[in-house]
Amino acid sequence: MTAQTTRICPVTAGLVDLDAYTALDGAWRVLGIPAPARRALIDAGYTEVVQLAGVSHQSLAKLHGMGPKALSILKKAFVLHGLSNEP
């Protein structure tokens, strides 16, 4: 028999300081990026769309919390800002 591990979401467990993210996620919130993806971007050091110039779609997709909706929104934001996500 194998023991099952129960995963606890750090956000719902109260282990994440959401106020710290709120201070940094304004640009992502305006675009409509879902909260898990906003946190992923901030954790990776990105607080503005222009910082993503040259960051590949694959790299963004690997961020924990980055889902298809967020990637779609970012793709549109790249076009609007005249950015390329090709390194």
N, C-alpha and C. Protein backbone atom coordinates (compact mmCIF):
# COMPACT_ATOMS: atom_id res chain seq x y z
N MET A 1 0.82 -1.18 0.00
CA MET A 1 0.00 0.00 0.00
C MET A 1 0.87 1.25 0.00
N THR A 2 0.46 2.23 -0.77
CA THR A 2 1.21 3.47 -0.79
C THR A 2 0.44 4.54 -0.03
N ALA A 3 1.19 5.37 0.63
CA ALA A 3 0.57 6.47 1.37
C ALA A 3 0.27 7.61 0.41
N GLN A 4 -0.91 8.16 0.54
CA GLN A 4 -1.28 9.30 -0.30
C GLN A 4 -0.91 10.58 0.41
N THR A 5 -0.41 11.50 -0.37
CA THR A 5 -0.08 12.80 0.19
C THR A 5 -1.23 13.75 -0.11
N THR A 6 -1.58 14.50 0.87
CA THR A 6 -2.62 15.49 0.69
C THR A 6 -1.94 16.83 0.46
N ARG A 7 -2.27 17.45 -0.65
CA ARG A 7 -1.71 18.75 -0.95
C ARG A 7 -2.63 19.83 -0.41
N ILE A 8 -2.04 20.76 0.27
CA ILE A 8 -2.80 21.88 0.81
C ILE A 8 -2.40 23.12 0.04
N CYS A 9 -3.38 23.83 -0.46
CA CYS A 9 -3.10 25.06 -1.19
C CYS A 9 -2.59 26.11 -0.20
N PRO A 10 -1.40 26.65 -0.44
CA PRO A 10 -0.85 27.62 0.50
C PRO A 10 -1.71 28.90 0.61
N VAL A 11 -2.41 29.24 -0.46
CA VAL A 11 -3.26 30.44 -0.43
C VAL A 11 -4.45 30.22 0.49
N THR A 12 -5.17 29.12 0.28
CA THR A 12 -6.36 28.86 1.10
C THR A 12 -5.98 28.49 2.53
N ALA A 13 -4.76 28.01 2.75
CA ALA A 13 -4.30 27.69 4.09
C ALA A 13 -3.83 28.93 4.84
N GLY A 14 -3.83 30.08 4.14
CA GLY A 14 -3.41 31.33 4.78
C GLY A 14 -1.91 31.48 4.91
N LEU A 15 -1.16 30.73 4.12
CA LEU A 15 0.30 30.77 4.19
C LEU A 15 0.92 31.80 3.25
N VAL A 16 0.10 32.46 2.45
CA VAL A 16 0.60 33.42 1.48
C VAL A 16 0.11 34.82 1.88
N ASP A 17 1.03 35.77 1.88
CA ASP A 17 0.69 37.16 2.20
C ASP A 17 0.13 37.81 0.94
N LEU A 18 -1.18 37.77 0.78
CA LEU A 18 -1.81 38.31 -0.43
C LEU A 18 -1.65 39.82 -0.55
N ASP A 19 -1.51 40.52 0.58
CA ASP A 19 -1.31 41.97 0.52
C ASP A 19 -0.01 42.33 -0.19
N ALA A 20 1.00 41.50 -0.05
CA ALA A 20 2.27 41.75 -0.72
C ALA A 20 2.10 41.69 -2.24
N TYR A 21 1.25 40.78 -2.70
CA TYR A 21 0.99 40.68 -4.14
C TYR A 21 0.14 41.85 -4.63
N THR A 22 -0.82 42.27 -3.83
CA THR A 22 -1.72 43.36 -4.22
C THR A 22 -0.93 44.63 -4.50
N ALA A 23 0.14 44.83 -3.78
CA ALA A 23 0.97 46.02 -3.98
C ALA A 23 1.70 45.99 -5.33
N LEU A 24 1.81 44.81 -5.93
CA LEU A 24 2.61 44.67 -7.16
C LEU A 24 1.83 44.23 -8.39
N ASP A 25 0.58 43.79 -8.23
CA ASP A 25 -0.10 43.15 -9.36
C ASP A 25 -1.02 44.06 -10.16
N GLY A 26 -0.91 45.37 -9.98
CA GLY A 26 -1.80 46.31 -10.66
C GLY A 26 -1.84 46.16 -12.17
N ALA A 27 -0.68 46.06 -12.79
CA ALA A 27 -0.63 45.94 -14.26
C ALA A 27 -1.31 44.66 -14.72
N TRP A 28 -1.12 43.59 -13.98
CA TRP A 28 -1.71 42.30 -14.35
C TRP A 28 -3.21 42.30 -14.09
N ARG A 29 -3.62 42.95 -13.01
CA ARG A 29 -5.04 43.02 -12.66
C ARG A 29 -5.81 43.79 -13.74
N VAL A 30 -5.22 44.89 -14.22
CA VAL A 30 -5.86 45.70 -15.27
C VAL A 30 -6.10 44.87 -16.53
N LEU A 31 -5.17 43.99 -16.84
CA LEU A 31 -5.31 43.14 -18.03
C LEU A 31 -6.33 42.02 -17.84
N GLY A 32 -6.69 41.75 -16.60
CA GLY A 32 -7.64 40.67 -16.33
C GLY A 32 -6.98 39.31 -16.12
N ILE A 33 -5.71 39.32 -15.78
CA ILE A 33 -4.99 38.08 -15.53
C ILE A 33 -5.53 37.47 -14.23
N PRO A 34 -5.85 36.18 -14.23
CA PRO A 34 -6.34 35.52 -13.02
C PRO A 34 -5.29 35.56 -11.89
N ALA A 35 -5.76 35.56 -10.65
CA ALA A 35 -4.89 35.71 -9.48
C ALA A 35 -3.72 34.71 -9.43
N PRO A 36 -3.93 33.42 -9.68
CA PRO A 36 -2.77 32.50 -9.60
C PRO A 36 -1.67 32.88 -10.60
N ALA A 37 -2.06 33.32 -11.78
CA ALA A 37 -1.08 33.71 -12.80
C ALA A 37 -0.41 35.02 -12.41
N ARG A 38 -1.17 35.95 -11.80
CA ARG A 38 -0.57 37.21 -11.33
C ARG A 38 0.51 36.91 -10.30
N ARG A 39 0.21 36.01 -9.38
CA ARG A 39 1.20 35.64 -8.36
C ARG A 39 2.41 34.97 -9.00
N ALA A 40 2.18 34.13 -10.01
CA ALA A 40 3.28 33.46 -10.70
C ALA A 40 4.20 34.46 -11.38
N LEU A 41 3.60 35.44 -12.03
CA LEU A 41 4.40 36.46 -12.71
C LEU A 41 5.23 37.27 -11.71
N ILE A 42 4.60 37.66 -10.62
CA ILE A 42 5.31 38.43 -9.60
C ILE A 42 6.42 37.60 -8.97
N ASP A 43 6.13 36.34 -8.67
CA ASP A 43 7.17 35.47 -8.10
C ASP A 43 8.36 35.32 -9.04
N ALA A 44 8.10 35.39 -10.34
CA ALA A 44 9.17 35.29 -11.33
C ALA A 44 9.86 36.64 -11.57
N GLY A 45 9.37 37.70 -10.90
CA GLY A 45 10.01 39.01 -11.01
C GLY A 45 9.41 39.94 -12.05
N TYR A 46 8.26 39.58 -12.61
CA TYR A 46 7.63 40.40 -13.64
C TYR A 46 6.47 41.20 -13.05
N THR A 47 6.56 42.52 -13.17
CA THR A 47 5.48 43.38 -12.67
C THR A 47 4.88 44.24 -13.77
N GLU A 48 5.47 44.20 -14.96
CA GLU A 48 4.97 44.97 -16.10
C GLU A 48 5.10 44.15 -17.37
N VAL A 49 4.20 44.43 -18.31
CA VAL A 49 4.19 43.69 -19.58
C VAL A 49 5.52 43.83 -20.32
N VAL A 50 6.11 45.02 -20.33
CA VAL A 50 7.35 45.24 -21.09
C VAL A 50 8.49 44.36 -20.59
N GLN A 51 8.42 43.90 -19.35
CA GLN A 51 9.47 43.02 -18.83
C GLN A 51 9.42 41.64 -19.47
N LEU A 52 8.32 41.33 -20.14
CA LEU A 52 8.17 40.02 -20.76
C LEU A 52 8.72 39.96 -22.18
N ALA A 53 9.22 41.07 -22.70
CA ALA A 53 9.80 41.08 -24.05
C ALA A 53 10.94 40.07 -24.09
N GLY A 54 10.88 39.15 -25.02
CA GLY A 54 11.91 38.14 -25.16
C GLY A 54 11.70 36.89 -24.32
N VAL A 55 10.68 36.90 -23.46
CA VAL A 55 10.38 35.71 -22.65
C VAL A 55 9.47 34.81 -23.49
N SER A 56 9.88 33.59 -23.69
CA SER A 56 9.13 32.69 -24.57
C SER A 56 7.79 32.27 -23.96
N HIS A 57 6.87 31.93 -24.84
CA HIS A 57 5.56 31.42 -24.44
C HIS A 57 5.74 30.16 -23.58
N GLN A 58 6.70 29.33 -23.96
CA GLN A 58 6.96 28.10 -23.23
C GLN A 58 7.43 28.39 -21.80
N SER A 59 8.26 29.39 -21.65
CA SER A 59 8.76 29.76 -20.32
C SER A 59 7.62 30.26 -19.45
N LEU A 60 6.76 31.07 -20.03
CA LEU A 60 5.62 31.57 -19.26
C LEU A 60 4.68 30.43 -18.88
N ALA A 61 4.46 29.52 -19.81
CA ALA A 61 3.56 28.39 -19.57
C ALA A 61 4.06 27.49 -18.44
N LYS A 62 5.36 27.47 -18.19
CA LYS A 62 5.93 26.63 -17.15
C LYS A 62 5.75 27.22 -15.74
N LEU A 63 5.39 28.50 -15.65
CA LEU A 63 5.22 29.11 -14.33
C LEU A 63 4.04 28.48 -13.61
N HIS A 64 4.24 28.12 -12.37
CA HIS A 64 3.16 27.52 -11.58
C HIS A 64 2.05 28.54 -11.38
N GLY A 65 0.86 28.20 -11.84
CA GLY A 65 -0.28 29.10 -11.74
C GLY A 65 -0.67 29.73 -13.07
N MET A 66 0.18 29.56 -14.07
CA MET A 66 -0.08 30.14 -15.39
C MET A 66 -0.93 29.18 -16.20
N GLY A 67 -2.15 29.59 -16.50
CA GLY A 67 -3.05 28.74 -17.26
C GLY A 67 -3.33 29.29 -18.64
N PRO A 68 -4.15 28.58 -19.41
CA PRO A 68 -4.45 28.99 -20.79
C PRO A 68 -5.08 30.38 -20.89
N LYS A 69 -5.96 30.72 -19.95
CA LYS A 69 -6.60 32.04 -20.00
C LYS A 69 -5.56 33.15 -19.85
N ALA A 70 -4.68 33.01 -18.87
CA ALA A 70 -3.65 34.02 -18.66
C ALA A 70 -2.71 34.12 -19.86
N LEU A 71 -2.34 32.99 -20.42
CA LEU A 71 -1.45 33.00 -21.59
C LEU A 71 -2.11 33.69 -22.78
N SER A 72 -3.41 33.47 -22.94
CA SER A 72 -4.14 34.12 -24.02
C SER A 72 -4.18 35.64 -23.83
N ILE A 73 -4.42 36.06 -22.61
CA ILE A 73 -4.45 37.50 -22.30
C ILE A 73 -3.08 38.11 -22.53
N LEU A 74 -2.03 37.42 -22.11
CA LEU A 74 -0.68 37.94 -22.31
C LEU A 74 -0.32 38.03 -23.79
N LYS A 75 -0.76 37.05 -24.56
CA LYS A 75 -0.49 37.08 -26.00
C LYS A 75 -1.10 38.34 -26.63
N LYS A 76 -2.33 38.67 -26.23
CA LYS A 76 -2.97 39.89 -26.74
C LYS A 76 -2.24 41.13 -26.25
N ALA A 77 -1.78 41.11 -25.01
CA ALA A 77 -1.05 42.25 -24.46
C ALA A 77 0.26 42.48 -25.20
N PHE A 78 0.91 41.38 -25.61
CA PHE A 78 2.14 41.50 -26.38
C PHE A 78 1.88 42.25 -27.67
N VAL A 79 0.81 41.89 -28.35
CA VAL A 79 0.46 42.54 -29.62
C VAL A 79 0.18 44.03 -29.38
N LEU A 80 -0.63 44.33 -28.38
CA LEU A 80 -0.98 45.72 -28.08
C LEU A 80 0.23 46.58 -27.74
N HIS A 81 1.22 45.98 -27.09
CA HIS A 81 2.42 46.72 -26.69
C HIS A 81 3.56 46.60 -27.71
N GLY A 82 3.28 45.91 -28.82
CA GLY A 82 4.31 45.76 -29.86
C GLY A 82 5.52 44.96 -29.41
N LEU A 83 5.27 43.98 -28.56
CA LEU A 83 6.37 43.17 -28.03
C LEU A 83 6.44 41.83 -28.73
N SER A 84 7.61 41.23 -28.65
CA SER A 84 7.81 39.87 -29.17
C SER A 84 8.15 38.98 -27.99
N ASN A 85 7.61 37.77 -28.01
CA ASN A 85 8.00 36.84 -26.95
C ASN A 85 8.96 35.80 -27.48
N GLU A 86 9.62 36.15 -28.55
CA GLU A 86 10.66 35.29 -29.10
C GLU A 86 11.99 35.81 -28.60
N PRO A 87 12.80 34.96 -27.96
CA PRO A 87 14.10 35.40 -27.44
C PRO A 87 15.05 35.81 -28.55
